[in-house]
Amino acid sequence: QVQLVESGGGSVQPGGSLRLSCVASGITFSVCDMAWYRQVPGEERELVAGISSAEATNYAESVKGRFTISRDNGKNTCYLQMNSLKPEDTAVYYCHLRYRPLARTFWGQGTQVSVSS
């Protein structure tokens, strides 16, 4: 059974930082592509950042230069380092996993990030 457990969300002032973690279990993590999405109530879920099994990365324009996605295959964990946070970064952040061999996808439960003064 595949599980994704996110942590690291919280409340922070503008300009602050948070690091989200997503721990995967029940799957061969090294052959998975990972990504972080976010969603605001009433809006569609949007891609924030992705990292492939080969560690190629991509970012939404709105977070380039502020967010960094990384992975540690030895810990089955994907990270999202978020710096210089803005109020518009407020959302529920979801971890997403794509298992390449079967093209199956899984979602985490989400973690709330709130940026306000």
Protein backbone atom coordinates (compact mmCIF):
# COMPACT_ATOMS: atom_id res chain seq x y z
CA GLN A 1 0.00 0.00 0.00
CA VAL A 2 1.49 3.32 -1.09
CA GLN A 3 1.43 6.14 1.43
CA LEU A 4 2.63 9.72 1.19
CA VAL A 5 2.96 11.61 4.45
CA GLU A 6 3.58 15.35 4.31
CA SER A 7 4.84 17.55 7.08
CA GLY A 8 6.35 20.98 7.61
CA GLY A 9 3.42 23.24 6.90
CA GLY A 10 2.45 26.07 9.20
CA SER A 11 2.03 29.79 9.57
CA VAL A 12 4.79 32.24 8.75
CA GLN A 13 5.19 35.96 8.14
CA PRO A 14 5.93 37.34 4.69
CA GLY A 15 9.59 36.86 3.87
CA GLY A 16 9.83 33.79 6.04
CA SER A 17 10.76 30.22 5.16
CA LEU A 18 9.31 26.75 5.52
CA ARG A 19 10.48 23.33 4.43
CA LEU A 20 7.91 20.74 3.46
CA SER A 21 8.71 17.04 3.55
CA CYS A 22 6.96 14.13 1.89
CA VAL A 23 7.86 10.63 2.98
CA ALA A 24 6.81 7.79 0.69
CA SER A 25 6.34 4.18 1.69
CA GLY A 26 5.24 1.00 -0.04
CA ILE A 27 6.94 1.83 -3.32
CA THR A 28 10.37 1.94 -4.96
CA PHE A 29 10.98 5.62 -4.48
CA SER A 30 14.00 5.92 -6.76
CA VAL A 31 11.93 5.23 -9.89
CA CYS A 32 9.26 7.77 -9.02
CA ASP A 33 8.82 11.30 -10.24
CA MET A 34 7.83 13.64 -7.42
CA ALA A 35 6.06 16.96 -7.38
CA TRP A 36 4.43 19.50 -5.12
CA TYR A 37 1.09 21.05 -6.00
CA ARG A 38 -0.94 23.64 -4.15
CA GLN A 39 -4.58 24.55 -4.01
CA VAL A 40 -6.55 27.51 -2.79
CA PRO A 41 -10.28 27.04 -2.06
CA GLY A 42 -12.32 27.61 -5.19
CA GLU A 43 -9.34 27.29 -7.49
CA GLU A 44 -7.72 24.45 -9.39
CA ARG A 45 -4.76 22.61 -8.00
CA GLU A 46 -1.57 23.95 -9.59
CA LEU A 47 1.90 22.54 -10.04
CA VAL A 48 4.50 24.25 -7.87
CA ALA A 49 7.61 22.20 -8.55
CA GLY A 50 8.60 18.79 -9.83
CA ILE A 51 11.66 16.54 -9.69
CA SER A 52 12.10 13.49 -11.86
CA SER A 53 13.68 10.20 -10.92
CA ALA A 54 16.78 11.53 -12.72
CA GLU A 55 16.58 14.67 -10.55
CA ALA A 56 15.59 17.04 -13.33
CA THR A 57 13.57 19.87 -11.83
CA ASN A 58 10.92 22.28 -13.01
CA TYR A 59 9.15 25.16 -11.29
CA ALA A 60 6.12 27.35 -11.68
CA GLU A 61 7.14 30.83 -12.76
CA SER A 62 5.66 32.29 -9.60
CA VAL A 63 8.09 30.39 -7.34
CA LYS A 64 11.28 30.35 -9.41
CA GLY A 65 14.22 31.63 -7.40
CA ARG A 66 12.35 31.25 -4.11
CA PHE A 67 11.46 27.55 -3.87
CA THR A 68 13.75 24.55 -4.24
CA ILE A 69 12.61 20.97 -4.69
CA SER A 70 14.93 18.11 -3.80
CA ARG A 71 14.84 14.44 -2.96
CA ASP A 72 16.71 11.92 -0.82
CA ASN A 73 16.21 8.45 -2.23
CA GLY A 74 17.88 6.89 0.81
CA LYS A 75 15.12 8.37 2.99
CA ASN A 76 12.27 8.00 0.49
CA THR A 77 11.68 11.70 0.97
CA CYS A 78 10.98 14.69 -1.23
CA TYR A 79 11.46 18.22 0.08
CA LEU A 80 10.22 21.65 -0.86
CA GLN A 81 12.29 24.47 0.58
CA MET A 82 10.25 27.67 0.44
CA ASN A 83 12.01 30.98 1.00
CA SER A 84 10.85 34.58 0.72
CA LEU A 85 7.28 33.48 1.23
CA LYS A 86 4.49 35.77 0.10
CA PRO A 87 0.83 35.94 1.15
CA GLU A 88 -0.11 34.58 -2.27
CA ASP A 89 1.77 31.38 -1.43
CA THR A 90 -0.93 30.58 1.10
CA ALA A 91 -2.53 27.27 0.11
CA VAL A 92 -2.79 23.61 0.92
CA TYR A 93 0.32 21.93 -0.47
CA TYR A 94 0.05 18.39 -1.79
CA CYS A 95 2.78 15.88 -2.50
CA HIS A 96 2.36 13.95 -5.75
CA LEU A 97 4.13 10.77 -6.80
CA ARG A 98 4.21 9.17 -10.24
CA TYR A 99 5.45 5.61 -10.35
CA ARG A 100 7.17 5.47 -13.71
CA PRO A 101 7.05 1.69 -14.45
CA LEU A 102 3.24 1.62 -14.36
CA ALA A 103 2.46 5.32 -14.76
CA ARG A 104 0.39 5.24 -11.56
CA THR A 105 -0.02 8.35 -9.47
CA PHE A 106 -0.64 9.00 -5.79
CA TRP A 107 -1.40 12.03 -3.64
CA GLY A 108 -0.58 12.97 -0.09
CA GLN A 109 -3.18 14.31 2.31
CA GLY A 110 -2.01 17.92 2.07
CA THR A 111 -0.42 20.34 4.47
CA GLN A 112 -1.54 23.92 5.07
CA VAL A 113 0.84 26.82 4.47
CA SER A 114 -0.32 30.24 5.61
CA VAL A 115 1.64 33.42 4.98
CA SER A 116 0.39 36.57 6.66
CA SER A 117 1.54 39.41 8.85
